[in-house]
Amino acid sequence: MTYVYILQSTAFPDRYYVGVTADISQRVAKHNAGEVSHTSKYRPWQLKTYIAFSDKTQAYAFEKYLKSGSSRAFAKKRL
């Protein structure tokens, strides 16, 4: 399975991060350990939601969609 996930910073609640991974718990641990340069300054992170995909291509397409401007507002409001 491939997972698309949304993280929310607990220190900066207006900050969200969207990513894709095969191992959610390991990936969230890396974000919280500061091993991901894009998210290190907004630690700690909490997992807001995730969606499982059996098709990796669909997962990456959905991640790209969530990172687009209009869907960010949707994700913040609905997810």
PDB file of N, CA and C in Angstrom:
ATOM      1  N   MET A   1       0.832  -1.182   0.000  1.00  0.00           N
ATOM      2  CA  MET A   1       0.000   0.000   0.000  1.00  0.00           C
ATOM      3  C   MET A   1       0.880   1.249   0.000  1.00  0.00           C
ATOM      4  N   THR A   2       0.351   2.288  -0.586  1.00  0.00           N
ATOM      5  CA  THR A   2       0.995   3.600  -0.577  1.00  0.00           C
ATOM      6  C   THR A   2       0.017   4.569   0.052  1.00  0.00           C
ATOM      7  N   TYR A   3       0.512   5.393   0.961  1.00  0.00           N
ATOM      8  CA  TYR A   3      -0.339   6.287   1.734  1.00  0.00           C
ATOM      9  C   TYR A   3      -0.048   7.744   1.428  1.00  0.00           C
ATOM     10  N   VAL A   4      -1.105   8.512   1.247  1.00  0.00           N
ATOM     11  CA  VAL A   4      -1.006   9.961   1.175  1.00  0.00           C
ATOM     12  C   VAL A   4      -1.429  10.458   2.549  1.00  0.00           C
ATOM     13  N   TYR A   5      -0.605  11.311   3.150  1.00  0.00           N
ATOM     14  CA  TYR A   5      -0.878  11.738   4.518  1.00  0.00           C
ATOM     15  C   TYR A   5      -0.831  13.254   4.645  1.00  0.00           C
ATOM     16  N   ILE A   6      -1.533  13.744   5.651  1.00  0.00           N
ATOM     17  CA  ILE A   6      -1.519  15.169   5.975  1.00  0.00           C
ATOM     18  C   ILE A   6      -1.090  15.301   7.422  1.00  0.00           C
ATOM     19  N   LEU A   7      -0.054  16.112   7.631  1.00  0.00           N
ATOM     20  CA  LEU A   7       0.427  16.407   8.969  1.00  0.00           C
ATOM     21  C   LEU A   7       0.048  17.831   9.331  1.00  0.00           C
ATOM     22  N   GLN A   8      -0.153  18.055  10.622  1.00  0.00           N
ATOM     23  CA  GLN A   8      -0.388  19.401  11.137  1.00  0.00           C
ATOM     24  C   GLN A   8       0.640  19.667  12.226  1.00  0.00           C
ATOM     25  N   SER A   9       1.249  20.832  12.159  1.00  0.00           N
ATOM     26  CA  SER A   9       2.220  21.208  13.178  1.00  0.00           C
ATOM     27  C   SER A   9       1.486  21.530  14.469  1.00  0.00           C
ATOM     28  N   THR A  10       1.942  20.982  15.588  1.00  0.00           N
ATOM     29  CA  THR A  10       1.310  21.305  16.869  1.00  0.00           C
ATOM     30  C   THR A  10       1.831  22.629  17.413  1.00  0.00           C
ATOM     31  N   ALA A  11       3.040  23.018  17.036  1.00  0.00           N
ATOM     32  CA  ALA A  11       3.608  24.296  17.475  1.00  0.00           C
ATOM     33  C   ALA A  11       3.085  25.464  16.637  1.00  0.00           C
ATOM     34  N   PHE A  12       2.781  25.200  15.367  1.00  0.00           N
ATOM     35  CA  PHE A  12       2.270  26.205  14.433  1.00  0.00           C
ATOM     36  C   PHE A  12       1.026  25.623  13.755  1.00  0.00           C
ATOM     37  N   PRO A  13      -0.136  25.664  14.405  1.00  0.00           N
ATOM     38  CA  PRO A  13      -1.332  24.960  13.921  1.00  0.00           C
ATOM     39  C   PRO A  13      -1.811  25.340  12.522  1.00  0.00           C
ATOM     40  N   ASP A  14      -1.357  26.463  11.991  1.00  0.00           N
ATOM     41  CA  ASP A  14      -1.742  26.842  10.630  1.00  0.00           C
ATOM     42  C   ASP A  14      -0.869  26.175   9.572  1.00  0.00           C
ATOM     43  N   ARG A  15       0.139  25.427   9.997  1.00  0.00           N
ATOM     44  CA  ARG A  15       1.058  24.753   9.081  1.00  0.00           C
ATOM     45  C   ARG A  15       0.656  23.301   8.873  1.00  0.00           C
ATOM     46  N   TYR A  16       0.535  22.938   7.598  1.00  0.00           N
ATOM     47  CA  TYR A  16       0.208  21.574   7.207  1.00  0.00           C
ATOM     48  C   TYR A  16       1.263  21.079   6.230  1.00  0.00           C
ATOM     49  N   TYR A  17       1.396  19.776   6.153  1.00  0.00           N
ATOM     50  CA  TYR A  17       2.309  19.170   5.196  1.00  0.00           C
ATOM     51  C   TYR A  17       1.619  17.965   4.584  1.00  0.00           C
ATOM     52  N   VAL A  18       1.723  17.837   3.278  1.00  0.00           N
ATOM     53  CA  VAL A  18       1.154  16.696   2.550  1.00  0.00           C
ATOM     54  C   VAL A  18       2.306  15.885   1.983  1.00  0.00           C
ATOM     55  N   GLY A  19       2.247  14.571   2.180  1.00  0.00           N
ATOM     56  CA  GLY A  19       3.296  13.705   1.662  1.00  0.00           C
ATOM     57  C   GLY A  19       2.766  12.346   1.278  1.00  0.00           C
ATOM     58  N   VAL A  20       3.660  11.522   0.773  1.00  0.00           N
ATOM     59  CA  VAL A  20       3.303  10.164   0.363  1.00  0.00           C
ATOM     60  C   VAL A  20       4.396   9.219   0.861  1.00  0.00           C
ATOM     61  N   THR A  21       3.990   8.033   1.306  1.00  0.00           N
ATOM     62  CA  THR A  21       4.938   7.069   1.872  1.00  0.00           C
ATOM     63  C   THR A  21       4.353   5.660   1.844  1.00  0.00           C
ATOM     64  N   ALA A  22       5.215   4.693   2.054  1.00  0.00           N
ATOM     65  CA  ALA A  22       4.776   3.307   2.206  1.00  0.00           C
ATOM     66  C   ALA A  22       4.685   2.921   3.680  1.00  0.00           C
ATOM     67  N   ASP A  23       5.297   3.721   4.558  1.00  0.00           N
ATOM     68  CA  ASP A  23       5.316   3.434   5.993  1.00  0.00           C
ATOM     69  C   ASP A  23       5.028   4.717   6.773  1.00  0.00           C
ATOM     70  N   ILE A  24       3.794   4.879   7.182  1.00  0.00           N
ATOM     71  CA  ILE A  24       3.372   6.130   7.821  1.00  0.00           C
ATOM     72  C   ILE A  24       4.076   6.377   9.147  1.00  0.00           C
ATOM     73  N   SER A  25       4.115   5.393  10.020  1.00  0.00           N
ATOM     74  CA  SER A  25       4.698   5.637  11.343  1.00  0.00           C
ATOM     75  C   SER A  25       6.176   6.003  11.242  1.00  0.00           C
ATOM     76  N   GLN A  26       6.904   5.350  10.360  1.00  0.00           N
ATOM     77  CA  GLN A  26       8.319   5.678  10.177  1.00  0.00           C
ATOM     78  C   GLN A  26       8.477   7.090   9.600  1.00  0.00           C
ATOM     79  N   ARG A  27       7.621   7.446   8.670  1.00  0.00           N
ATOM     80  CA  ARG A  27       7.724   8.761   8.026  1.00  0.00           C
ATOM     81  C   ARG A  27       7.400   9.882   9.009  1.00  0.00           C
ATOM     82  N   VAL A  28       6.360   9.709   9.815  1.00  0.00           N
ATOM     83  CA  VAL A  28       6.011  10.727  10.813  1.00  0.00           C
ATOM     84  C   VAL A  28       7.152  10.864  11.822  1.00  0.00           C
ATOM     85  N   ALA A  29       7.755   9.757  12.203  1.00  0.00           N
ATOM     86  CA  ALA A  29       8.895   9.791  13.128  1.00  0.00           C
ATOM     87  C   ALA A  29      10.050  10.592  12.522  1.00  0.00           C
ATOM     88  N   LYS A  30      10.289  10.442  11.229  1.00  0.00           N
ATOM     89  CA  LYS A  30      11.354  11.203  10.572  1.00  0.00           C
ATOM     90  C   LYS A  30      11.035  12.700  10.564  1.00  0.00           C
ATOM     91  N   HIS A  31       9.784  13.034  10.312  1.00  0.00           N
ATOM     92  CA  HIS A  31       9.382  14.450  10.356  1.00  0.00           C
ATOM     93  C   HIS A  31       9.629  15.016  11.757  1.00  0.00           C
ATOM     94  N   ASN A  32       9.234  14.278  12.774  1.00  0.00           N
ATOM     95  CA  ASN A  32       9.370  14.762  14.152  1.00  0.00           C
ATOM     96  C   ASN A  32      10.807  14.738  14.665  1.00  0.00           C
ATOM     97  N   ALA A  33      11.657  13.953  14.049  1.00  0.00           N
ATOM     98  CA  ALA A  33      13.070  13.906  14.434  1.00  0.00           C
ATOM     99  C   ALA A  33      13.882  15.001  13.741  1.00  0.00           C
ATOM    100  N   GLY A  34      13.250  15.737  12.831  1.00  0.00           N
ATOM    101  CA  GLY A  34      13.943  16.800  12.119  1.00  0.00           C
ATOM    102  C   GLY A  34      14.742  16.316  10.930  1.00  0.00           C
ATOM    103  N   GLU A  35      14.495  15.107  10.472  1.00  0.00           N
ATOM    104  CA  GLU A  35      15.237  14.525   9.352  1.00  0.00           C
ATOM    105  C   GLU A  35      14.712  14.958   7.988  1.00  0.00           C
ATOM    106  N   VAL A  36      13.607  15.695   7.964  1.00  0.00           N
ATOM    107  CA  VAL A  36      13.038  16.183   6.713  1.00  0.00           C
ATOM    108  C   VAL A  36      13.191  17.703   6.718  1.00  0.00           C
ATOM    109  N   SER A  37      14.053  18.205   5.852  1.00  0.00           N
ATOM    110  CA  SER A  37      14.397  19.627   5.891  1.00  0.00           C
ATOM    111  C   SER A  37      13.179  20.531   5.685  1.00  0.00           C
ATOM    112  N   HIS A  38      12.229  20.083   4.894  1.00  0.00           N
ATOM    113  CA  HIS A  38      11.037  20.885   4.589  1.00  0.00           C
ATOM    114  C   HIS A  38      10.156  21.113   5.826  1.00  0.00           C
ATOM    115  N   THR A  39      10.211  20.199   6.785  1.00  0.00           N
ATOM    116  CA  THR A  39       9.306  20.280   7.934  1.00  0.00           C
ATOM    117  C   THR A  39      10.014  20.464   9.269  1.00  0.00           C
ATOM    118  N   SER A  40      11.318  20.476   9.272  1.00  0.00           N
ATOM    119  CA  SER A  40      12.061  20.456  10.541  1.00  0.00           C
ATOM    120  C   SER A  40      11.800  21.674  11.426  1.00  0.00           C
ATOM    121  N   LYS A  41      11.598  22.845  10.851  1.00  0.00           N
ATOM    122  CA  LYS A  41      11.437  24.031  11.700  1.00  0.00           C
ATOM    123  C   LYS A  41      10.033  24.193  12.278  1.00  0.00           C
ATOM    124  N   TYR A  42       9.099  23.343  11.889  1.00  0.00           N
ATOM    125  CA  TYR A  42       7.722  23.435  12.405  1.00  0.00           C
ATOM    126  C   TYR A  42       7.349  22.252  13.291  1.00  0.00           C
ATOM    127  N   ARG A  43       8.353  21.534  13.793  1.00  0.00           N
ATOM    128  CA  ARG A  43       8.104  20.387  14.670  1.00  0.00           C
ATOM    129  C   ARG A  43       7.475  20.827  15.973  1.00  0.00           C
ATOM    130  N   PRO A  44       6.785  19.950  16.652  1.00  0.00           N
ATOM    131  CA  PRO A  44       6.412  18.576  16.297  1.00  0.00           C
ATOM    132  C   PRO A  44       5.169  18.542  15.398  1.00  0.00           C
ATOM    133  N   TRP A  45       5.009  17.406  14.744  1.00  0.00           N
ATOM    134  CA  TRP A  45       3.908  17.179  13.819  1.00  0.00           C
ATOM    135  C   TRP A  45       2.986  16.092  14.360  1.00  0.00           C
ATOM    136  N   GLN A  46       1.711  16.244  14.038  1.00  0.00           N
ATOM    137  CA  GLN A  46       0.758  15.181  14.355  1.00  0.00           C
ATOM    138  C   GLN A  46       0.085  14.754  13.051  1.00  0.00           C
ATOM    139  N   LEU A  47      -0.217  13.488  12.970  1.00  0.00           N
ATOM    140  CA  LEU A  47      -0.887  12.948  11.792  1.00  0.00           C
ATOM    141  C   LEU A  47      -2.337  13.374  11.826  1.00  0.00           C
ATOM    142  N   LYS A  48      -2.753  14.125  10.819  1.00  0.00           N
ATOM    143  CA  LYS A  48      -4.130  14.613  10.743  1.00  0.00           C
ATOM    144  C   LYS A  48      -5.029  13.566  10.086  1.00  0.00           C
ATOM    145  N   THR A  49      -4.575  13.045   8.947  1.00  0.00           N
ATOM    146  CA  THR A  49      -5.336  12.012   8.239  1.00  0.00           C
ATOM    147  C   THR A  49      -4.432  11.331   7.216  1.00  0.00           C
ATOM    148  N   TYR A  50      -4.852  10.167   6.759  1.00  0.00           N
ATOM    149  CA  TYR A  50      -4.145   9.500   5.671  1.00  0.00           C
ATOM    150  C   TYR A  50      -5.132   8.686   4.858  1.00  0.00           C
ATOM    151  N   ILE A  51      -4.755   8.432   3.613  1.00  0.00           N
ATOM    152  CA  ILE A  51      -5.585   7.670   2.687  1.00  0.00           C
ATOM    153  C   ILE A  51      -4.692   6.618   2.043  1.00  0.00           C
ATOM    154  N   ALA A  52      -5.155   5.382   2.037  1.00  0.00           N
ATOM    155  CA  ALA A  52      -4.382   4.271   1.477  1.00  0.00           C
ATOM    156  C   ALA A  52      -4.759   4.043   0.014  1.00  0.00           C
ATOM    157  N   PHE A  53      -3.739   3.813  -0.807  1.00  0.00           N
ATOM    158  CA  PHE A  53      -3.925   3.519  -2.230  1.00  0.00           C
ATOM    159  C   PHE A  53      -3.213   2.213  -2.552  1.00  0.00           C
ATOM    160  N   SER A  54      -3.859   1.372  -3.338  1.00  0.00           N
ATOM    161  CA  SER A  54      -3.197   0.152  -3.788  1.00  0.00           C
ATOM    162  C   SER A  54      -2.356   0.436  -5.028  1.00  0.00           C
ATOM    163  N   ASP A  55      -2.605   1.551  -5.684  1.00  0.00           N
ATOM    164  CA  ASP A  55      -1.874   1.943  -6.889  1.00  0.00           C
ATOM    165  C   ASP A  55      -0.991   3.148  -6.574  1.00  0.00           C
ATOM    166  N   LYS A  56       0.321   2.976  -6.694  1.00  0.00           N
ATOM    167  CA  LYS A  56       1.276   4.039  -6.361  1.00  0.00           C
ATOM    168  C   LYS A  56       1.077   5.277  -7.241  1.00  0.00           C
ATOM    169  N   THR A  57       0.760   5.074  -8.507  1.00  0.00           N
ATOM    170  CA  THR A  57       0.553   6.192  -9.432  1.00  0.00           C
ATOM    171  C   THR A  57      -0.624   7.050  -8.978  1.00  0.00           C
ATOM    172  N   GLN A  58      -1.700   6.406  -8.547  1.00  0.00           N
ATOM    173  CA  GLN A  58      -2.860   7.152  -8.058  1.00  0.00           C
ATOM    174  C   GLN A  58      -2.513   7.915  -6.782  1.00  0.00           C
ATOM    175  N   ALA A  59      -1.710   7.322  -5.924  1.00  0.00           N
ATOM    176  CA  ALA A  59      -1.311   7.988  -4.682  1.00  0.00           C
ATOM    177  C   ALA A  59      -0.544   9.268  -4.992  1.00  0.00           C
ATOM    178  N   TYR A  60       0.416   9.193  -5.897  1.00  0.00           N
ATOM    179  CA  TYR A  60       1.194  10.380  -6.245  1.00  0.00           C
ATOM    180  C   TYR A  60       0.333  11.433  -6.937  1.00  0.00           C
ATOM    181  N   ALA A  61      -0.623  11.007  -7.737  1.00  0.00           N
ATOM    182  CA  ALA A  61      -1.536  11.956  -8.384  1.00  0.00           C
ATOM    183  C   ALA A  61      -2.406  12.656  -7.343  1.00  0.00           C
ATOM    184  N   PHE A  62      -2.861  11.920  -6.340  1.00  0.00           N
ATOM    185  CA  PHE A  62      -3.691  12.521  -5.290  1.00  0.00           C
ATOM    186  C   PHE A  62      -2.861  13.474  -4.433  1.00  0.00           C
ATOM    187  N   GLU A  63      -1.621  13.108  -4.138  1.00  0.00           N
ATOM    188  CA  GLU A  63      -0.732  14.009  -3.391  1.00  0.00           C
ATOM    189  C   GLU A  63      -0.556  15.314  -4.162  1.00  0.00           C
ATOM    190  N   LYS A  64      -0.327  15.216  -5.452  1.00  0.00           N
ATOM    191  CA  LYS A  64      -0.161  16.410  -6.291  1.00  0.00           C
ATOM    192  C   LYS A  64      -1.426  17.261  -6.253  1.00  0.00           C
ATOM    193  N   TYR A  65      -2.580  16.616  -6.316  1.00  0.00           N
ATOM    194  CA  TYR A  65      -3.852  17.338  -6.242  1.00  0.00           C
ATOM    195  C   TYR A  65      -3.979  18.076  -4.911  1.00  0.00           C
ATOM    196  N   LEU A  66      -3.660  17.393  -3.808  1.00  0.00           N
ATOM    197  CA  LEU A  66      -3.775  18.033  -2.493  1.00  0.00           C
ATOM    198  C   LEU A  66      -2.816  19.207  -2.332  1.00  0.00           C
ATOM    199  N   LYS A  67      -1.722  19.194  -3.042  1.00  0.00           N
ATOM    200  CA  LYS A  67      -0.763  20.289  -2.962  1.00  0.00           C
ATOM    201  C   LYS A  67      -1.138  21.461  -3.858  1.00  0.00           C
ATOM    202  N   SER A  68      -2.159  21.302  -4.692  1.00  0.00           N
ATOM    203  CA  SER A  68      -2.599  22.405  -5.544  1.00  0.00           C
ATOM    204  C   SER A  68      -3.373  23.421  -4.702  1.00  0.00           C
ATOM    205  N   GLY A  69      -3.441  24.635  -5.161  1.00  0.00           N
ATOM    206  CA  GLY A  69      -4.034  25.726  -4.408  1.00  0.00           C
ATOM    207  C   GLY A  69      -5.454  25.516  -3.944  1.00  0.00           C
ATOM    208  N   SER A  70      -6.345  25.150  -4.834  1.00  0.00           N
ATOM    209  CA  SER A  70      -7.756  25.040  -4.463  1.00  0.00           C
ATOM    210  C   SER A  70      -8.022  23.885  -3.509  1.00  0.00           C
ATOM    211  N   SER A  71      -7.272  22.831  -3.631  1.00  0.00           N
ATOM    212  CA  SER A  71      -7.538  21.688  -2.763  1.00  0.00           C
ATOM    213  C   SER A  71      -6.945  21.865  -1.372  1.00  0.00           C
ATOM    214  N   ARG A  72      -6.002  22.777  -1.193  1.00  0.00           N
ATOM    215  CA  ARG A  72      -5.482  23.040   0.156  1.00  0.00           C
ATOM    216  C   ARG A  72      -6.582  23.520   1.068  1.00  0.00           C
ATOM    217  N   ALA A  73      -7.412  24.428   0.573  1.00  0.00           N
ATOM    218  CA  ALA A  73      -8.533  24.921   1.355  1.00  0.00           C
ATOM    219  C   ALA A  73      -9.508  23.781   1.655  1.00  0.00           C
ATOM    220  N   PHE A  74      -9.764  22.939   0.669  1.00  0.00           N
ATOM    221  CA  PHE A  74     -10.628  21.779   0.870  1.00  0.00           C
ATOM    222  C   PHE A  74     -10.073  20.867   1.954  1.00  0.00           C
ATOM    223  N   ALA A  75      -8.793  20.569   1.865  1.00  0.00           N
ATOM    224  CA  ALA A  75      -8.173  19.645   2.829  1.00  0.00           C
ATOM    225  C   ALA A  75      -8.219  20.210   4.239  1.00  0.00           C
ATOM    226  N   LYS A  76      -7.942  21.488   4.397  1.00  0.00           N
ATOM    227  CA  LYS A  76      -7.966  22.091   5.734  1.00  0.00           C
ATOM    228  C   LYS A  76      -9.369  22.055   6.331  1.00  0.00           C
ATOM    229  N   LYS A  77     -10.358  22.276   5.487  1.00  0.00           N
ATOM    230  CA  LYS A  77     -11.741  22.339   5.970  1.00  0.00           C
ATOM    231  C   LYS A  77     -12.337  20.959   6.176  1.00  0.00           C
ATOM    232  N   ARG A  78     -12.064  20.031   5.297  1.00  0.00           N
ATOM    233  CA  ARG A  78     -12.758  18.741   5.303  1.00  0.00           C
ATOM    234  C   ARG A  78     -11.959  17.595   5.916  1.00  0.00           C
ATOM    235  N   LEU A  79     -10.652  17.677   5.891  1.00  0.00           N
ATOM    236  CA  LEU A  79      -9.846  16.565   6.401  1.00  0.00           C
ATOM    237  C   LEU A  79      -9.244  16.968   7.721  1.00  0.00           C
TER     238      LEU A  79
END
